[in-house]
Amino acid sequence: MSCITTIKERGLKLTPQRRLILDIIDKSHTHLTAEEIVSLVQAKMPGVNKSTIYRTLELLDEIGCVVKGESHSRFIYHHAEEGHHHHIECRACGNTVDCGEDLFASVEEAIYKKYGFCADFKHTVIKGLCSQCSIRT
């Protein structure tokens, strides 16, 4: 189901600002920080307030249209239709590698078996040291 359909089915308004934010995220084909999204939106619609953009991003995350994660201590967003994936991020050099959704499958299963809890690993970032940086320390 498309995000536009989701928004309408939930009785929410599809404002020009929401449509533009969705369009920017959809066309980026990469992760964007909230600050990058603000900049791109304001370049096309100068009158849009930052707080409107941040509230819209939170709403889009809540209704499952975008996936919010954290990388380099900043929130990042990508279109939910790109699927779930994870990252490993070097805390020394900043190198980030995308990992498949199955990375936490065994952990999810172990948590469920032991605690009866369904863990939600939608967009997890694991910080550590890459092979190059770990050699230097």
C-alpha atoms as a PDB file:
ATOM      1  CA  MET A   1       0.000   0.000   0.000  1.00  0.00           C
ATOM      2  CA  SER A   2       1.357   3.420  -0.873  1.00  0.00           C
ATOM      3  CA  CYS A   3       1.979   6.110   1.709  1.00  0.00           C
ATOM      4  CA  ILE A   4      -0.576   8.375   0.066  1.00  0.00           C
ATOM      5  CA  THR A   5      -3.201   5.646   0.462  1.00  0.00           C
ATOM      6  CA  THR A   6      -2.126   5.068   4.071  1.00  0.00           C
ATOM      7  CA  ILE A   7      -2.429   8.757   4.879  1.00  0.00           C
ATOM      8  CA  LYS A   8      -5.897   9.002   3.311  1.00  0.00           C
ATOM      9  CA  GLU A   9      -7.148   5.779   4.926  1.00  0.00           C
ATOM     10  CA  ARG A  10      -6.156   7.086   8.333  1.00  0.00           C
ATOM     11  CA  GLY A  11      -8.213  10.191   7.749  1.00  0.00           C
ATOM     12  CA  LEU A  12      -5.163  12.430   7.598  1.00  0.00           C
ATOM     13  CA  LYS A  13      -4.770  15.301   5.189  1.00  0.00           C
ATOM     14  CA  LEU A  14      -2.335  14.960   2.337  1.00  0.00           C
ATOM     15  CA  THR A  15      -0.979  18.475   2.557  1.00  0.00           C
ATOM     16  CA  PRO A  16       1.430  19.841  -0.051  1.00  0.00           C
ATOM     17  CA  GLN A  17       4.164  19.746   2.615  1.00  0.00           C
ATOM     18  CA  ARG A  18       3.544  16.051   3.381  1.00  0.00           C
ATOM     19  CA  ARG A  19       3.476  15.209  -0.307  1.00  0.00           C
ATOM     20  CA  LEU A  20       6.775  17.064  -0.869  1.00  0.00           C
ATOM     21  CA  ILE A  21       8.477  15.355   2.078  1.00  0.00           C
ATOM     22  CA  LEU A  22       7.352  11.940   0.833  1.00  0.00           C
ATOM     23  CA  ASP A  23       8.498  12.820  -2.669  1.00  0.00           C
ATOM     24  CA  ILE A  24      11.957  13.902  -1.460  1.00  0.00           C
ATOM     25  CA  ILE A  25      12.441  10.741   0.605  1.00  0.00           C
ATOM     26  CA  ASP A  26      11.112   8.524  -2.181  1.00  0.00           C
ATOM     27  CA  LYS A  27      13.363  10.014  -4.858  1.00  0.00           C
ATOM     28  CA  SER A  28      16.520  10.108  -2.744  1.00  0.00           C
ATOM     29  CA  HIS A  29      17.169   6.315  -2.813  1.00  0.00           C
ATOM     30  CA  THR A  30      19.439   6.873   0.183  1.00  0.00           C
ATOM     31  CA  HIS A  31      19.246   7.805   3.827  1.00  0.00           C
ATOM     32  CA  LEU A  32      18.602  11.443   4.542  1.00  0.00           C
ATOM     33  CA  THR A  33      19.072  13.225   7.828  1.00  0.00           C
ATOM     34  CA  ALA A  34      16.251  15.355   9.160  1.00  0.00           C
ATOM     35  CA  GLU A  35      18.429  18.410   8.497  1.00  0.00           C
ATOM     36  CA  GLU A  36      18.905  17.399   4.857  1.00  0.00           C
ATOM     37  CA  ILE A  37      15.165  16.920   4.460  1.00  0.00           C
ATOM     38  CA  VAL A  38      14.506  20.340   6.023  1.00  0.00           C
ATOM     39  CA  SER A  39      16.958  21.934   3.609  1.00  0.00           C
ATOM     40  CA  LEU A  40      15.489  20.187   0.554  1.00  0.00           C
ATOM     41  CA  VAL A  41      11.904  21.017   1.541  1.00  0.00           C
ATOM     42  CA  GLN A  42      12.690  24.661   2.288  1.00  0.00           C
ATOM     43  CA  ALA A  43      14.499  24.987  -1.045  1.00  0.00           C
ATOM     44  CA  LYS A  44      11.260  24.035  -2.809  1.00  0.00           C
ATOM     45  CA  MET A  45       8.802  25.563  -0.315  1.00  0.00           C
ATOM     46  CA  PRO A  46      10.596  28.387   1.506  1.00  0.00           C
ATOM     47  CA  GLY A  47       7.695  29.128   3.859  1.00  0.00           C
ATOM     48  CA  VAL A  48       7.593  25.691   5.492  1.00  0.00           C
ATOM     49  CA  ASN A  49       8.582  25.801   9.141  1.00  0.00           C
ATOM     50  CA  LYS A  50      11.210  23.359  10.439  1.00  0.00           C
ATOM     51  CA  SER A  51       8.886  22.151  13.182  1.00  0.00           C
ATOM     52  CA  THR A  52       6.259  21.208  10.575  1.00  0.00           C
ATOM     53  CA  ILE A  53       8.826  19.067   8.776  1.00  0.00           C
ATOM     54  CA  TYR A  54       9.985  17.370  11.998  1.00  0.00           C
ATOM     55  CA  ARG A  55       6.364  16.664  13.058  1.00  0.00           C
ATOM     56  CA  THR A  56       5.619  15.270   9.598  1.00  0.00           C
ATOM     57  CA  LEU A  57       8.657  12.980   9.747  1.00  0.00           C
ATOM     58  CA  GLU A  58       7.501  11.667  13.140  1.00  0.00           C
ATOM     59  CA  LEU A  59       3.999  11.084  11.771  1.00  0.00           C
ATOM     60  CA  LEU A  60       5.318   9.304   8.672  1.00  0.00           C
ATOM     61  CA  ASP A  61       7.436   7.057  10.902  1.00  0.00           C
ATOM     62  CA  GLU A  62       4.469   6.300  13.183  1.00  0.00           C
ATOM     63  CA  ILE A  63       2.216   5.262  10.295  1.00  0.00           C
ATOM     64  CA  GLY A  64       4.933   3.172   8.636  1.00  0.00           C
ATOM     65  CA  CYS A  65       5.667   5.287   5.567  1.00  0.00           C
ATOM     66  CA  VAL A  66       9.275   5.985   6.474  1.00  0.00           C
ATOM     67  CA  VAL A  67      11.815   4.200   8.626  1.00  0.00           C
ATOM     68  CA  LYS A  68      13.682   6.297  11.165  1.00  0.00           C
ATOM     69  CA  GLY A  69      17.094   5.237  12.373  1.00  0.00           C
ATOM     70  CA  GLU A  70      20.119   6.785  13.949  1.00  0.00           C
ATOM     71  CA  SER A  71      23.570   7.054  12.446  1.00  0.00           C
ATOM     72  CA  HIS A  72      26.491   9.193  13.546  1.00  0.00           C
ATOM     73  CA  SER A  73      24.262  10.513  16.376  1.00  0.00           C
ATOM     74  CA  ARG A  74      21.723  11.917  13.875  1.00  0.00           C
ATOM     75  CA  PHE A  75      18.304  10.665  12.891  1.00  0.00           C
ATOM     76  CA  ILE A  76      18.139   9.343   9.353  1.00  0.00           C
ATOM     77  CA  TYR A  77      15.122   8.446   7.261  1.00  0.00           C
ATOM     78  CA  HIS A  78      14.428   6.257   4.279  1.00  0.00           C
ATOM     79  CA  HIS A  79      11.290   5.159   2.484  1.00  0.00           C
ATOM     80  CA  ALA A  80       9.639   2.162   4.157  1.00  0.00           C
ATOM     81  CA  GLU A  81       9.219   0.413   0.808  1.00  0.00           C
ATOM     82  CA  GLU A  82      13.014   0.012   0.689  1.00  0.00           C
ATOM     83  CA  GLY A  83      12.610  -2.581   3.440  1.00  0.00           C
ATOM     84  CA  HIS A  84      14.315  -2.980   6.751  1.00  0.00           C
ATOM     85  CA  HIS A  85      18.055  -3.162   6.991  1.00  0.00           C
ATOM     86  CA  HIS A  86      20.762  -2.467   9.497  1.00  0.00           C
ATOM     87  CA  HIS A  87      24.151  -0.801   9.593  1.00  0.00           C
ATOM     88  CA  ILE A  88      27.502  -1.412  11.152  1.00  0.00           C
ATOM     89  CA  GLU A  89      29.287   1.853  11.812  1.00  0.00           C
ATOM     90  CA  CYS A  90      32.930   2.415  12.747  1.00  0.00           C
ATOM     91  CA  ARG A  91      33.144   4.841  15.650  1.00  0.00           C
ATOM     92  CA  ALA A  92      36.705   5.802  14.657  1.00  0.00           C
ATOM     93  CA  CYS A  93      36.576   6.483  10.907  1.00  0.00           C
ATOM     94  CA  GLY A  94      32.804   6.712  10.425  1.00  0.00           C
ATOM     95  CA  ASN A  95      32.666   4.041   7.715  1.00  0.00           C
ATOM     96  CA  THR A  96      29.151   2.586   7.527  1.00  0.00           C
ATOM     97  CA  VAL A  97      28.109  -0.686   5.908  1.00  0.00           C
ATOM     98  CA  ASP A  98      24.522  -1.717   5.150  1.00  0.00           C
ATOM     99  CA  CYS A  99      23.546  -5.167   6.420  1.00  0.00           C
ATOM    100  CA  GLY A 100      20.577  -7.337   5.500  1.00  0.00           C
ATOM    101  CA  GLU A 101      17.360  -7.632   7.448  1.00  0.00           C
ATOM    102  CA  ASP A 102      18.256 -11.182   8.501  1.00  0.00           C
ATOM    103  CA  LEU A 103      21.187  -9.985  10.641  1.00  0.00           C
ATOM    104  CA  PHE A 104      19.142 -10.185  13.861  1.00  0.00           C
ATOM    105  CA  ALA A 105      16.960 -13.173  12.973  1.00  0.00           C
ATOM    106  CA  SER A 106      18.636 -15.516  15.470  1.00  0.00           C
ATOM    107  CA  VAL A 107      18.604 -12.832  18.182  1.00  0.00           C
ATOM    108  CA  GLU A 108      14.891 -12.164  17.587  1.00  0.00           C
ATOM    109  CA  GLU A 109      14.207 -15.894  17.843  1.00  0.00           C
ATOM    110  CA  ALA A 110      16.272 -16.262  21.030  1.00  0.00           C
ATOM    111  CA  ILE A 111      14.510 -13.308  22.674  1.00  0.00           C
ATOM    112  CA  TYR A 112      11.120 -14.735  21.778  1.00  0.00           C
ATOM    113  CA  LYS A 113      11.987 -18.246  23.023  1.00  0.00           C
ATOM    114  CA  LYS A 114      13.459 -17.022  26.294  1.00  0.00           C
ATOM    115  CA  TYR A 115      11.113 -14.121  27.121  1.00  0.00           C
ATOM    116  CA  GLY A 116       8.073 -14.477  24.844  1.00  0.00           C
ATOM    117  CA  PHE A 117       8.907 -10.991  23.545  1.00  0.00           C
ATOM    118  CA  CYS A 118       8.706  -9.996  19.874  1.00  0.00           C
ATOM    119  CA  ALA A 119      11.691  -7.707  19.304  1.00  0.00           C
ATOM    120  CA  ASP A 120      11.494  -5.080  16.598  1.00  0.00           C
ATOM    121  CA  PHE A 121      14.815  -4.658  14.831  1.00  0.00           C
ATOM    122  CA  LYS A 122      13.694  -2.310  12.060  1.00  0.00           C
ATOM    123  CA  HIS A 123      16.729  -0.162  11.501  1.00  0.00           C
ATOM    124  CA  THR A 124      19.537  -0.865  13.930  1.00  0.00           C
ATOM    125  CA  VAL A 125      23.019   0.629  13.939  1.00  0.00           C
ATOM    126  CA  ILE A 126      25.807  -1.338  15.583  1.00  0.00           C
ATOM    127  CA  LYS A 127      28.813   0.742  16.513  1.00  0.00           C
ATOM    128  CA  GLY A 128      32.282  -0.643  16.842  1.00  0.00           C
ATOM    129  CA  LEU A 129      35.588  -0.633  15.019  1.00  0.00           C
ATOM    130  CA  CYS A 130      36.111  -1.676  11.414  1.00  0.00           C
ATOM    131  CA  SER A 131      38.959  -4.042  10.587  1.00  0.00           C
ATOM    132  CA  GLN A 132      41.298  -1.193   9.597  1.00  0.00           C
ATOM    133  CA  CYS A 133      40.697   0.861  12.734  1.00  0.00           C
ATOM    134  CA  SER A 134      40.843  -2.119  15.080  1.00  0.00           C
ATOM    135  CA  ILE A 135      44.358  -2.884  13.776  1.00  0.00           C
ATOM    136  CA  ARG A 136      45.485   0.645  14.694  1.00  0.00           C
ATOM    137  CA  THR A 137      44.346   0.418  18.303  1.00  0.00           C
END
